[in-house]
């Protein structure tokens, strides 16, 4: 009976099976995985096999131990990723709500303790965790950026990296994801155009308000002048009425009306309803009034008025003193007092 013997495995195969991953290899595996997964040229549009082929090439280039195959790196990556995600979740919980007076070193010590209590073993991937903790796929969902409006998963996608097991309790948040799609180029330009349009509209509105305020002041100034001119005309009429002799009235009714009007004017003056204006002061200085104009005074007044108008040409703002002088000169130029002796 022939003896059948099983061929002994080759030396290289025995060496590959017997060698376990050391801390340096775990660290290099994390470096290679992070480099290939974040490469802007090779990270997209590559299959799972292509991804791990690139990881193997980079890994074997920087390790001095035995060469590793893609299957071996994938098998090692699964527990490494699972435990690093678990430790990240524990550390993030402590960092988000740190004890009072604690430091980052204290957070790391507490995370080691909680990890040991949860798994009954020490955390063996601290060097890979240091490299992977800030990677987008190892951050909590609220700290990563949305890609195409969808939250990036905590595990790599199937078309780029191998499948991984689900994270144990506490590694993922139960709160609903709150993702916002980043603004594209067109949306950003549209937003800038809208802001520019709003700024122009606001400036135009401010200019319109200033113009309306200026026009309102000018209209008020014109109305004030008109009101004072009307009041002066009424006062001139009252003055002329006061100088009419009752004996010149044609009948008793006219005399009675004249007397009543004079009494009413005097009563208003006593009650303070009317006050003597520049017209009253001007006429009182030349009693009895006459209808003949004083040419010398009139010429002086016109000269003063011309000077005042030249001074006011460059001033667009409302000037109360100039306004009063303008009103006084206008009333003096237009004043006509009737002399009853000439009637």
C-alpha atoms as a PDB file:
ATOM      1  CA  UNK A   1       0.000   0.000   0.000  1.00  0.00           C
ATOM      2  CA  UNK A   2       1.477   3.257  -1.123  1.00  0.00           C
ATOM      3  CA  UNK A   3       2.074   5.868   1.462  1.00  0.00           C
ATOM      4  CA  UNK A   4       0.478   9.185   0.647  1.00  0.00           C
ATOM      5  CA  UNK A   5       2.087  12.211   2.128  1.00  0.00           C
ATOM      6  CA  UNK A   6       0.825  15.742   2.172  1.00  0.00           C
ATOM      7  CA  UNK A   7       3.317  18.132   0.602  1.00  0.00           C
ATOM      8  CA  UNK A   8       4.808  20.533   3.039  1.00  0.00           C
ATOM      9  CA  UNK A   9       3.906  24.145   2.469  1.00  0.00           C
ATOM     10  CA  UNK A  10       6.509  26.347   0.939  1.00  0.00           C
ATOM     11  CA  UNK A  11       8.682  28.510   3.101  1.00  0.00           C
ATOM     12  CA  UNK A  12       7.151  31.749   1.809  1.00  0.00           C
ATOM     13  CA  UNK A  13       3.597  30.550   2.353  1.00  0.00           C
ATOM     14  CA  UNK A  14       4.437  29.415   5.869  1.00  0.00           C
ATOM     15  CA  UNK A  15       6.066  32.756   6.502  1.00  0.00           C
ATOM     16  CA  UNK A  16       2.993  34.675   5.275  1.00  0.00           C
ATOM     17  CA  UNK A  17       0.588  32.623   7.391  1.00  0.00           C
ATOM     18  CA  UNK A  18       2.665  32.730  10.545  1.00  0.00           C
ATOM     19  CA  UNK A  19       3.388  36.475  10.577  1.00  0.00           C
ATOM     20  CA  UNK A  20       0.888  38.585  12.474  1.00  0.00           C
ATOM     21  CA  UNK A  21       0.445  42.313  12.042  1.00  0.00           C
ATOM     22  CA  UNK A  22       2.529  44.407  14.366  1.00  0.00           C
ATOM     23  CA  UNK A  23       1.865  47.961  15.570  1.00  0.00           C
ATOM     24  CA  UNK A  24       4.067  49.391  12.808  1.00  0.00           C
ATOM     25  CA  UNK A  25       2.135  47.502  10.134  1.00  0.00           C
ATOM     26  CA  UNK A  26      -1.199  48.610  11.584  1.00  0.00           C
ATOM     27  CA  UNK A  27       0.031  52.187  11.489  1.00  0.00           C
ATOM     28  CA  UNK A  28       1.218  51.832   7.882  1.00  0.00           C
ATOM     29  CA  UNK A  29      -2.072  50.220   6.884  1.00  0.00           C
ATOM     30  CA  UNK A  30      -3.927  53.241   8.272  1.00  0.00           C
ATOM     31  CA  UNK A  31      -1.554  55.578   6.423  1.00  0.00           C
ATOM     32  CA  UNK A  32      -1.936  53.745   3.118  1.00  0.00           C
ATOM     33  CA  UNK A  33      -5.711  53.493   3.415  1.00  0.00           C
ATOM     34  CA  UNK A  34      -5.982  57.206   4.262  1.00  0.00           C
ATOM     35  CA  UNK A  35      -3.659  58.209   1.413  1.00  0.00           C
ATOM     36  CA  UNK A  36      -5.478  56.222  -1.278  1.00  0.00           C
ATOM     37  CA  UNK A  37      -8.981  57.104  -0.041  1.00  0.00           C
ATOM     38  CA  UNK A  38      -8.229  60.837   0.014  1.00  0.00           C
ATOM     39  CA  UNK A  39      -6.226  61.006  -3.209  1.00  0.00           C
ATOM     40  CA  UNK A  40      -8.138  63.532  -5.360  1.00  0.00           C
ATOM     41  CA  UNK A  41      -7.103  61.724  -8.542  1.00  0.00           C
ATOM     42  CA  UNK A  42      -7.494  58.084  -7.597  1.00  0.00           C
ATOM     43  CA  UNK A  43     -10.121  58.175  -4.828  1.00  0.00           C
ATOM     44  CA  UNK A  44     -13.059  58.250  -7.274  1.00  0.00           C
ATOM     45  CA  UNK A  45     -13.869  56.133 -10.303  1.00  0.00           C
ATOM     46  CA  UNK A  46     -12.073  53.051  -9.037  1.00  0.00           C
ATOM     47  CA  UNK A  47     -13.390  49.653  -8.151  1.00  0.00           C
ATOM     48  CA  UNK A  48     -12.887  47.818  -4.895  1.00  0.00           C
ATOM     49  CA  UNK A  49     -10.149  45.674  -6.393  1.00  0.00           C
ATOM     50  CA  UNK A  50      -8.338  48.713  -7.783  1.00  0.00           C
ATOM     51  CA  UNK A  51      -8.572  50.486  -4.458  1.00  0.00           C
ATOM     52  CA  UNK A  52      -7.031  47.653  -2.476  1.00  0.00           C
ATOM     53  CA  UNK A  53      -4.428  47.052  -5.152  1.00  0.00           C
ATOM     54  CA  UNK A  54      -3.260  50.632  -4.693  1.00  0.00           C
ATOM     55  CA  UNK A  55      -3.308  50.221  -0.911  1.00  0.00           C
ATOM     56  CA  UNK A  56      -1.187  47.050  -1.158  1.00  0.00           C
ATOM     57  CA  UNK A  57       1.361  48.766  -3.385  1.00  0.00           C
ATOM     58  CA  UNK A  58       1.729  51.697  -1.020  1.00  0.00           C
ATOM     59  CA  UNK A  59       1.791  49.439   2.058  1.00  0.00           C
ATOM     60  CA  UNK A  60       4.515  47.094   0.759  1.00  0.00           C
ATOM     61  CA  UNK A  61       6.604  50.073  -0.373  1.00  0.00           C
ATOM     62  CA  UNK A  62       7.006  51.416   3.169  1.00  0.00           C
ATOM     63  CA  UNK A  63       7.090  48.257   5.306  1.00  0.00           C
ATOM     64  CA  UNK A  64      10.212  46.227   5.932  1.00  0.00           C
ATOM     65  CA  UNK A  65       8.425  43.004   6.823  1.00  0.00           C
ATOM     66  CA  UNK A  66       6.963  40.338   4.571  1.00  0.00           C
ATOM     67  CA  UNK A  67       4.926  41.419   1.568  1.00  0.00           C
ATOM     68  CA  UNK A  68       1.206  41.458   2.144  1.00  0.00           C
ATOM     69  CA  UNK A  69      -1.576  40.622  -0.265  1.00  0.00           C
ATOM     70  CA  UNK A  70      -4.846  42.458  -0.759  1.00  0.00           C
ATOM     71  CA  UNK A  71      -6.871  39.746   0.975  1.00  0.00           C
ATOM     72  CA  UNK A  72      -4.645  39.922   4.040  1.00  0.00           C
ATOM     73  CA  UNK A  73      -4.887  43.706   4.282  1.00  0.00           C
ATOM     74  CA  UNK A  74      -8.671  43.591   3.870  1.00  0.00           C
ATOM     75  CA  UNK A  75      -8.960  40.994   6.633  1.00  0.00           C
ATOM     76  CA  UNK A  76      -6.803  43.123   8.928  1.00  0.00           C
ATOM     77  CA  UNK A  77      -8.637  46.348   8.028  1.00  0.00           C
ATOM     78  CA  UNK A  78     -12.046  45.076   9.144  1.00  0.00           C
ATOM     79  CA  UNK A  79     -11.271  44.682  12.884  1.00  0.00           C
ATOM     80  CA  UNK A  80      -9.003  47.734  12.816  1.00  0.00           C
ATOM     81  CA  UNK A  81     -11.747  49.913  11.367  1.00  0.00           C
ATOM     82  CA  UNK A  82     -14.388  48.503  13.715  1.00  0.00           C
ATOM     83  CA  UNK A  83     -12.368  49.090  16.872  1.00  0.00           C
ATOM     84  CA  UNK A  84     -11.153  52.537  15.782  1.00  0.00           C
ATOM     85  CA  UNK A  85     -14.742  53.619  15.088  1.00  0.00           C
ATOM     86  CA  UNK A  86     -15.775  52.366  18.512  1.00  0.00           C
ATOM     87  CA  UNK A  87     -12.939  54.224  20.225  1.00  0.00           C
ATOM     88  CA  UNK A  88     -13.716  57.374  18.206  1.00  0.00           C
ATOM     89  CA  UNK A  89     -17.303  57.283  19.430  1.00  0.00           C
ATOM     90  CA  UNK A  90     -16.212  56.947  23.066  1.00  0.00           C
ATOM     91  CA  UNK A  91     -13.619  59.705  22.763  1.00  0.00           C
ATOM     92  CA  UNK A  92     -16.035  62.061  20.972  1.00  0.00           C
ATOM     93  CA  UNK A  93     -18.639  61.637  23.712  1.00  0.00           C
ATOM     94  CA  UNK A  94     -16.082  62.679  26.308  1.00  0.00           C
ATOM     95  CA  UNK A  95     -14.780  65.557  24.161  1.00  0.00           C
ATOM     96  CA  UNK A  96     -18.284  66.923  23.497  1.00  0.00           C
ATOM     97  CA  UNK A  97     -19.117  66.975  27.209  1.00  0.00           C
ATOM     98  CA  UNK A  98     -15.776  67.119  29.002  1.00  0.00           C
ATOM     99  CA  UNK A  99     -15.563  67.084  32.794  1.00  0.00           C
ATOM    100  CA  UNK A 100     -14.866  70.417  34.384  1.00  0.00           C
ATOM    101  CA  UNK A 101     -11.175  71.271  34.381  1.00  0.00           C
ATOM    102  CA  UNK A 102     -10.175  68.280  32.232  1.00  0.00           C
ATOM    103  CA  UNK A 103      -7.595  68.363  29.434  1.00  0.00           C
ATOM    104  CA  UNK A 104      -7.304  66.415  26.141  1.00  0.00           C
ATOM    105  CA  UNK A 105      -4.890  64.042  27.886  1.00  0.00           C
ATOM    106  CA  UNK A 106      -7.568  63.378  30.505  1.00  0.00           C
ATOM    107  CA  UNK A 107     -10.105  62.653  27.749  1.00  0.00           C
ATOM    108  CA  UNK A 108      -7.790  60.054  26.218  1.00  0.00           C
ATOM    109  CA  UNK A 109      -7.260  58.352  29.579  1.00  0.00           C
ATOM    110  CA  UNK A 110     -11.000  58.253  30.208  1.00  0.00           C
ATOM    111  CA  UNK A 111     -11.639  56.873  26.704  1.00  0.00           C
ATOM    112  CA  UNK A 112      -9.166  54.043  27.289  1.00  0.00           C
ATOM    113  CA  UNK A 113     -10.881  53.203  30.555  1.00  0.00           C
ATOM    114  CA  UNK A 114     -14.378  53.200  29.054  1.00  0.00           C
ATOM    115  CA  UNK A 115     -13.198  51.129  26.087  1.00  0.00           C
ATOM    116  CA  UNK A 116     -11.717  48.534  28.433  1.00  0.00           C
ATOM    117  CA  UNK A 117     -14.928  48.416  30.468  1.00  0.00           C
ATOM    118  CA  UNK A 118     -16.945  47.894  27.286  1.00  0.00           C
ATOM    119  CA  UNK A 119     -14.730  45.305  25.568  1.00  0.00           C
ATOM    120  CA  UNK A 120     -12.731  43.837  28.501  1.00  0.00           C
ATOM    121  CA  UNK A 121      -9.533  44.452  26.538  1.00  0.00           C
ATOM    122  CA  UNK A 122      -7.135  47.308  26.010  1.00  0.00           C
ATOM    123  CA  UNK A 123      -7.325  49.438  22.899  1.00  0.00           C
ATOM    124  CA  UNK A 124      -4.633  48.110  20.549  1.00  0.00           C
ATOM    125  CA  UNK A 125      -4.983  50.572  17.657  1.00  0.00           C
ATOM    126  CA  UNK A 126      -4.087  53.877  19.239  1.00  0.00           C
ATOM    127  CA  UNK A 127      -1.523  54.789  16.578  1.00  0.00           C
ATOM    128  CA  UNK A 128      -3.957  54.141  13.685  1.00  0.00           C
ATOM    129  CA  UNK A 129      -6.645  56.019  15.640  1.00  0.00           C
ATOM    130  CA  UNK A 130      -4.360  59.058  15.850  1.00  0.00           C
ATOM    131  CA  UNK A 131      -4.152  59.048  12.041  1.00  0.00           C
ATOM    132  CA  UNK A 132      -7.782  58.237  11.256  1.00  0.00           C
ATOM    133  CA  UNK A 133      -9.642  60.231  13.928  1.00  0.00           C
ATOM    134  CA  UNK A 134      -9.784  63.394  11.799  1.00  0.00           C
ATOM    135  CA  UNK A 135     -10.667  61.636   8.545  1.00  0.00           C
ATOM    136  CA  UNK A 136     -14.111  62.485   7.196  1.00  0.00           C
ATOM    137  CA  UNK A 137     -15.314  58.886   7.356  1.00  0.00           C
ATOM    138  CA  UNK A 138     -14.365  58.579  11.026  1.00  0.00           C
ATOM    139  CA  UNK A 139     -15.953  61.817  12.242  1.00  0.00           C
ATOM    140  CA  UNK A 140     -19.444  62.056  13.704  1.00  0.00           C
ATOM    141  CA  UNK A 141     -22.118  62.882  11.097  1.00  0.00           C
ATOM    142  CA  UNK A 142     -22.552  66.483  12.308  1.00  0.00           C
ATOM    143  CA  UNK A 143     -18.828  67.212  11.761  1.00  0.00           C
ATOM    144  CA  UNK A 144     -18.551  65.983   8.179  1.00  0.00           C
ATOM    145  CA  UNK A 145     -19.501  67.821   5.055  1.00  0.00           C
ATOM    146  CA  UNK A 146     -22.307  66.724   2.821  1.00  0.00           C
ATOM    147  CA  UNK A 147     -21.399  65.384  -0.582  1.00  0.00           C
ATOM    148  CA  UNK A 148     -24.085  65.797  -3.244  1.00  0.00           C
ATOM    149  CA  UNK A 149     -26.577  66.517  -0.513  1.00  0.00           C
ATOM    150  CA  UNK A 150     -26.079  63.154   1.250  1.00  0.00           C
ATOM    151  CA  UNK A 151     -24.248  62.482   4.512  1.00  0.00           C
ATOM    152  CA  UNK A 152     -21.081  60.438   4.068  1.00  0.00           C
ATOM    153  CA  UNK A 153     -21.332  57.066   5.752  1.00  0.00           C
ATOM    154  CA  UNK A 154     -19.072  56.118   8.629  1.00  0.00           C
ATOM    155  CA  UNK A 155     -17.861  53.141   6.569  1.00  0.00           C
ATOM    156  CA  UNK A 156     -16.272  53.268   3.124  1.00  0.00           C
ATOM    157  CA  UNK A 157     -18.487  52.777   0.080  1.00  0.00           C
ATOM    158  CA  UNK A 158     -18.455  49.486  -1.806  1.00  0.00           C
ATOM    159  CA  UNK A 159     -16.921  50.908  -4.970  1.00  0.00           C
ATOM    160  CA  UNK A 160     -13.858  52.269  -3.215  1.00  0.00           C
ATOM    161  CA  UNK A 161     -13.138  50.276  -0.057  1.00  0.00           C
ATOM    162  CA  UNK A 162     -14.227  46.973   1.427  1.00  0.00           C
ATOM    163  CA  UNK A 163     -17.363  46.353   3.427  1.00  0.00           C
ATOM    164  CA  UNK A 164     -17.151  46.729   7.163  1.00  0.00           C
ATOM    165  CA  UNK A 165     -19.286  45.594  10.010  1.00  0.00           C
ATOM    166  CA  UNK A 166     -21.728  47.889  11.686  1.00  0.00           C
ATOM    167  CA  UNK A 167     -20.498  50.009  14.541  1.00  0.00           C
ATOM    168  CA  UNK A 168     -21.509  48.875  18.046  1.00  0.00           C
ATOM    169  CA  UNK A 169     -23.761  50.902  20.245  1.00  0.00           C
ATOM    170  CA  UNK A 170     -22.714  54.463  20.811  1.00  0.00           C
ATOM    171  CA  UNK A 171     -20.617  54.703  17.645  1.00  0.00           C
ATOM    172  CA  UNK A 172     -23.397  56.417  15.690  1.00  0.00           C
ATOM    173  CA  UNK A 173     -25.811  59.080  16.769  1.00  0.00           C
ATOM    174  CA  UNK A 174     -29.524  58.305  16.874  1.00  0.00           C
ATOM    175  CA  UNK A 175     -30.409  61.905  16.089  1.00  0.00           C
ATOM    176  CA  UNK A 176     -31.660  62.603  12.547  1.00  0.00           C
ATOM    177  CA  UNK A 177     -28.977  63.760  10.195  1.00  0.00           C
ATOM    178  CA  UNK A 178     -29.020  67.450   9.406  1.00  0.00           C
ATOM    179  CA  UNK A 179     -27.279  67.906   6.098  1.00  0.00           C
ATOM    180  CA  UNK A 180     -27.237  70.937   3.850  1.00  0.00           C
ATOM    181  CA  UNK A 181     -26.296  70.829   0.219  1.00  0.00           C
ATOM    182  CA  UNK A 182     -23.385  73.222  -0.387  1.00  0.00           C
ATOM    183  CA  UNK A 183     -24.044  76.110  -2.732  1.00  0.00           C
ATOM    184  CA  UNK A 184     -22.921  75.550  -6.287  1.00  0.00           C
ATOM    185  CA  UNK A 185     -21.220  78.076  -8.540  1.00  0.00           C
ATOM    186  CA  UNK A 186     -24.468  79.303 -10.065  1.00  0.00           C
ATOM    187  CA  UNK A 187     -26.203  79.556  -6.712  1.00  0.00           C
ATOM    188  CA  UNK A 188     -23.279  81.495  -5.265  1.00  0.00           C
ATOM    189  CA  UNK A 189     -23.249  83.931  -8.193  1.00  0.00           C
ATOM    190  CA  UNK A 190     -27.018  84.316  -7.952  1.00  0.00           C
ATOM    191  CA  UNK A 191     -26.741  85.068  -4.250  1.00  0.00           C
ATOM    192  CA  UNK A 192     -24.023  87.667  -4.871  1.00  0.00           C
ATOM    193  CA  UNK A 193     -26.144  89.311  -7.571  1.00  0.00           C
ATOM    194  CA  UNK A 194     -29.109  89.428  -5.222  1.00  0.00           C
ATOM    195  CA  UNK A 195     -27.000  91.059  -2.515  1.00  0.00           C
ATOM    196  CA  UNK A 196     -25.671  93.621  -5.002  1.00  0.00           C
ATOM    197  CA  UNK A 197     -29.213  94.369  -6.184  1.00  0.00           C
ATOM    198  CA  UNK A 198     -30.397  94.847  -2.609  1.00  0.00           C
ATOM    199  CA  UNK A 199     -27.516  97.236  -1.875  1.00  0.00           C
ATOM    200  CA  UNK A 200     -28.264  99.324  -4.968  1.00  0.00           C
ATOM    201  CA  UNK A 201     -31.945  99.374  -4.112  1.00  0.00           C
ATOM    202  CA  UNK A 202     -31.165 100.521  -0.572  1.00  0.00           C
ATOM    203  CA  UNK A 203     -28.910 103.340  -1.828  1.00  0.00           C
ATOM    204  CA  UNK A 204     -31.593 104.469  -4.289  1.00  0.00           C
ATOM    205  CA  UNK A 205     -34.176 104.446  -1.519  1.00  0.00           C
ATOM    206  CA  UNK A 206     -31.934 106.540   0.736  1.00  0.00           C
ATOM    207  CA  UNK A 207     -31.403 109.054  -2.084  1.00  0.00           C
ATOM    208  CA  UNK A 208     -35.156 109.256  -2.681  1.00  0.00           C
ATOM    209  CA  UNK A 209     -35.786 109.858   1.016  1.00  0.00           C
ATOM    210  CA  UNK A 210     -33.238 112.699   1.073  1.00  0.00           C
ATOM    211  CA  UNK A 211     -34.790 114.308  -2.012  1.00  0.00           C
ATOM    212  CA  UNK A 212     -38.276 113.985  -0.554  1.00  0.00           C
ATOM    213  CA  UNK A 213     -37.107 115.553   2.719  1.00  0.00           C
ATOM    214  CA  UNK A 214     -35.514 118.446   0.847  1.00  0.00           C
ATOM    215  CA  UNK A 215     -38.657 119.034  -1.222  1.00  0.00           C
ATOM    216  CA  UNK A 216     -40.774 118.884   1.925  1.00  0.00           C
ATOM    217  CA  UNK A 217     -38.651 121.593   3.562  1.00  0.00           C
ATOM    218  CA  UNK A 218     -38.910 123.792   0.482  1.00  0.00           C
ATOM    219  CA  UNK A 219     -42.678 123.319   0.336  1.00  0.00           C
ATOM    220  CA  UNK A 220     -43.004 124.152   4.038  1.00  0.00           C
ATOM    221  CA  UNK A 221     -40.912 127.267   3.533  1.00  0.00           C
ATOM    222  CA  UNK A 222     -43.133 128.404   0.646  1.00  0.00           C
ATOM    223  CA  UNK A 223     -46.292 127.680   2.646  1.00  0.00           C
ATOM    224  CA  UNK A 224     -44.992 129.636   5.628  1.00  0.00           C
ATOM    225  CA  UNK A 225     -44.241 132.616   3.415  1.00  0.00           C
ATOM    226  CA  UNK A 226     -47.683 132.427   1.831  1.00  0.00           C
ATOM    227  CA  UNK A 227     -49.421 132.178   5.214  1.00  0.00           C
ATOM    228  CA  UNK A 228     -47.540 135.184   6.560  1.00  0.00           C
ATOM    229  CA  UNK A 229     -48.283 137.198   3.443  1.00  0.00           C
ATOM    230  CA  UNK A 230     -51.984 136.435   3.820  1.00  0.00           C
ATOM    231  CA  UNK A 231     -51.856 137.430   7.493  1.00  0.00           C
ATOM    232  CA  UNK A 232     -50.094 140.680   6.621  1.00  0.00           C
ATOM    233  CA  UNK A 233     -52.658 141.478   3.931  1.00  0.00           C
ATOM    234  CA  UNK A 234     -55.398 140.942   6.480  1.00  0.00           C
ATOM    235  CA  UNK A 235     -53.582 143.170   8.949  1.00  0.00           C
ATOM    236  CA  UNK A 236     -53.186 145.867   6.320  1.00  0.00           C
ATOM    237  CA  UNK A 237     -56.894 145.759   5.707  1.00  0.00           C
ATOM    238  CA  UNK A 238     -57.552 146.113   9.441  1.00  0.00           C
ATOM    239  CA  UNK A 239     -55.168 149.078   9.629  1.00  0.00           C
ATOM    240  CA  UNK A 240     -56.838 150.808   6.714  1.00  0.00           C
ATOM    241  CA  UNK A 241     -60.170 150.146   8.346  1.00  0.00           C
ATOM    242  CA  UNK A 242     -59.024 151.727  11.607  1.00  0.00           C
ATOM    243  CA  UNK A 243     -58.139 154.983   9.837  1.00  0.00           C
ATOM    244  CA  UNK A 244     -61.494 155.389   8.129  1.00  0.00           C
ATOM    245  CA  UNK A 245     -63.555 158.209   9.636  1.00  0.00           C
ATOM    246  CA  UNK A 246     -67.057 157.186  10.641  1.00  0.00           C
ATOM    247  CA  UNK A 247     -68.395 160.560   9.521  1.00  0.00           C
ATOM    248  CA  UNK A 248     -67.440 159.692   5.958  1.00  0.00           C
ATOM    249  CA  UNK A 249     -69.818 156.728   5.913  1.00  0.00           C
ATOM    250  CA  UNK A 250     -72.882 157.303   3.735  1.00  0.00           C
ATOM    251  CA  UNK A 251     -75.465 155.999   6.214  1.00  0.00           C
ATOM    252  CA  UNK A 252     -75.990 154.814   9.770  1.00  0.00           C
ATOM    253  CA  UNK A 253     -75.657 151.128   8.888  1.00  0.00           C
ATOM    254  CA  UNK A 254     -72.237 151.701   7.392  1.00  0.00           C
ATOM    255  CA  UNK A 255     -71.140 153.653  10.454  1.00  0.00           C
ATOM    256  CA  UNK A 256     -72.473 150.901  12.747  1.00  0.00           C
ATOM    257  CA  UNK A 257     -70.642 148.206  10.730  1.00  0.00           C
ATOM    258  CA  UNK A 258     -67.421 150.229  10.773  1.00  0.00           C
ATOM    259  CA  UNK A 259     -67.644 150.746  14.512  1.00  0.00           C
ATOM    260  CA  UNK A 260     -68.279 147.021  15.125  1.00  0.00           C
ATOM    261  CA  UNK A 261     -65.292 146.053  12.994  1.00  0.00           C
ATOM    262  CA  UNK A 262     -63.014 148.463  14.823  1.00  0.00           C
ATOM    263  CA  UNK A 263     -64.161 147.172  18.202  1.00  0.00           C
ATOM    264  CA  UNK A 264     -63.535 143.605  17.079  1.00  0.00           C
ATOM    265  CA  UNK A 265     -60.013 144.451  15.889  1.00  0.00           C
ATOM    266  CA  UNK A 266     -59.198 146.174  19.176  1.00  0.00           C
ATOM    267  CA  UNK A 267     -60.594 143.241  21.162  1.00  0.00           C
ATOM    268  CA  UNK A 268     -58.438 140.739  19.226  1.00  0.00           C
ATOM    269  CA  UNK A 269     -55.417 142.912  19.825  1.00  0.00           C
ATOM    270  CA  UNK A 270     -56.120 143.022  23.567  1.00  0.00           C
ATOM    271  CA  UNK A 271     -56.754 139.268  23.744  1.00  0.00           C
ATOM    272  CA  UNK A 272     -53.457 138.580  22.003  1.00  0.00           C
ATOM    273  CA  UNK A 273     -55.067 136.877  19.016  1.00  0.00           C
ATOM    274  CA  UNK A 274     -53.218 139.298  16.762  1.00  0.00           C
ATOM    275  CA  UNK A 275     -49.909 141.001  17.369  1.00  0.00           C
ATOM    276  CA  UNK A 276     -48.523 144.142  15.786  1.00  0.00           C
ATOM    277  CA  UNK A 277     -46.261 143.078  12.929  1.00  0.00           C
ATOM    278  CA  UNK A 278     -43.677 144.937  10.924  1.00  0.00           C
ATOM    279  CA  UNK A 279     -46.511 146.417   8.904  1.00  0.00           C
ATOM    280  CA  UNK A 280     -48.018 147.954  12.050  1.00  0.00           C
ATOM    281  CA  UNK A 281     -44.647 149.303  13.157  1.00  0.00           C
ATOM    282  CA  UNK A 282     -43.977 150.656   9.724  1.00  0.00           C
ATOM    283  CA  UNK A 283     -47.334 152.401   9.400  1.00  0.00           C
ATOM    284  CA  UNK A 284     -47.275 153.739  12.965  1.00  0.00           C
ATOM    285  CA  UNK A 285     -44.013 155.510  12.244  1.00  0.00           C
ATOM    286  CA  UNK A 286     -45.651 157.435   9.388  1.00  0.00           C
ATOM    287  CA  UNK A 287     -49.089 158.391  10.789  1.00  0.00           C
ATOM    288  CA  UNK A 288     -51.231 159.643   9.349  1.00  0.00           C
ATOM    289  CA  UNK A 289     -50.685 157.212   6.489  1.00  0.00           C
ATOM    290  CA  UNK A 290     -50.563 158.413   2.953  1.00  0.00           C
ATOM    291  CA  UNK A 291     -50.814 156.637  -0.325  1.00  0.00           C
ATOM    292  CA  UNK A 292     -47.749 158.412  -1.754  1.00  0.00           C
ATOM    293  CA  UNK A 293     -44.787 156.048  -1.736  1.00  0.00           C
ATOM    294  CA  UNK A 294     -41.482 157.001  -0.204  1.00  0.00           C
ATOM    295  CA  UNK A 295     -39.142 156.593  -3.153  1.00  0.00           C
ATOM    296  CA  UNK A 296     -35.967 156.910  -1.110  1.00  0.00           C
ATOM    297  CA  UNK A 297     -36.984 154.234   1.379  1.00  0.00           C
ATOM    298  CA  UNK A 298     -38.236 152.011  -1.405  1.00  0.00           C
ATOM    299  CA  UNK A 299     -34.923 152.234  -3.243  1.00  0.00           C
ATOM    300  CA  UNK A 300     -33.015 151.393  -0.075  1.00  0.00           C
ATOM    301  CA  UNK A 301     -35.283 148.419   0.560  1.00  0.00           C
ATOM    302  CA  UNK A 302     -34.838 147.099  -2.969  1.00  0.00           C
ATOM    303  CA  UNK A 303     -31.060 147.402  -2.617  1.00  0.00           C
ATOM    304  CA  UNK A 304     -31.124 145.475   0.677  1.00  0.00           C
ATOM    305  CA  UNK A 305     -33.380 142.867  -0.857  1.00  0.00           C
ATOM    306  CA  UNK A 306     -30.987 142.405  -3.775  1.00  0.00           C
ATOM    307  CA  UNK A 307     -28.093 141.901  -1.379  1.00  0.00           C
ATOM    308  CA  UNK A 308     -30.047 139.359   0.655  1.00  0.00           C
ATOM    309  CA  UNK A 309     -31.009 137.419  -2.470  1.00  0.00           C
ATOM    310  CA  UNK A 310     -27.363 137.245  -3.575  1.00  0.00           C
ATOM    311  CA  UNK A 311     -26.372 135.881  -0.170  1.00  0.00           C
ATOM    312  CA  UNK A 312     -29.127 133.246  -0.305  1.00  0.00           C
ATOM    313  CA  UNK A 313     -28.282 131.959  -3.802  1.00  0.00           C
ATOM    314  CA  UNK A 314     -25.614 129.493  -2.599  1.00  0.00           C
ATOM    315  CA  UNK A 315     -27.531 128.209   0.401  1.00  0.00           C
ATOM    316  CA  UNK A 316     -29.918 125.324  -0.245  1.00  0.00           C
ATOM    317  CA  UNK A 317     -30.675 124.691   3.416  1.00  0.00           C
ATOM    318  CA  UNK A 318     -33.518 126.436   5.195  1.00  0.00           C
ATOM    319  CA  UNK A 319     -32.362 129.658   6.959  1.00  0.00           C
ATOM    320  CA  UNK A 320     -34.906 131.067   9.399  1.00  0.00           C
ATOM    321  CA  UNK A 321     -33.351 134.555   9.622  1.00  0.00           C
ATOM    322  CA  UNK A 322     -33.141 134.888   5.842  1.00  0.00           C
ATOM    323  CA  UNK A 323     -36.694 133.631   5.624  1.00  0.00           C
ATOM    324  CA  UNK A 324     -37.963 136.344   8.017  1.00  0.00           C
ATOM    325  CA  UNK A 325     -36.036 139.093   6.232  1.00  0.00           C
ATOM    326  CA  UNK A 326     -37.371 137.932   2.886  1.00  0.00           C
ATOM    327  CA  UNK A 327     -40.901 137.957   4.241  1.00  0.00           C
ATOM    328  CA  UNK A 328     -40.515 141.440   5.759  1.00  0.00           C
ATOM    329  CA  UNK A 329     -39.099 142.908   2.552  1.00  0.00           C
ATOM    330  CA  UNK A 330     -41.845 141.337   0.479  1.00  0.00           C
ATOM    331  CA  UNK A 331     -44.538 142.823   2.692  1.00  0.00           C
ATOM    332  CA  UNK A 332     -42.905 146.260   2.685  1.00  0.00           C
ATOM    333  CA  UNK A 333     -42.651 146.275  -1.106  1.00  0.00           C
ATOM    334  CA  UNK A 334     -46.290 145.252  -1.558  1.00  0.00           C
ATOM    335  CA  UNK A 335     -47.777 147.435   1.230  1.00  0.00           C
ATOM    336  CA  UNK A 336     -50.374 149.949   0.134  1.00  0.00           C
ATOM    337  CA  UNK A 337     -52.221 151.913   2.842  1.00  0.00           C
ATOM    338  CA  UNK A 338     -55.289 153.826   1.823  1.00  0.00           C
ATOM    339  CA  UNK A 339     -55.568 157.390   3.108  1.00  0.00           C
ATOM    340  CA  UNK A 340     -59.199 158.135   3.902  1.00  0.00           C
ATOM    341  CA  UNK A 341     -58.560 161.815   3.206  1.00  0.00           C
ATOM    342  CA  UNK A 342     -58.101 160.951  -0.479  1.00  0.00           C
ATOM    343  CA  UNK A 343     -61.378 159.017  -0.777  1.00  0.00           C
END
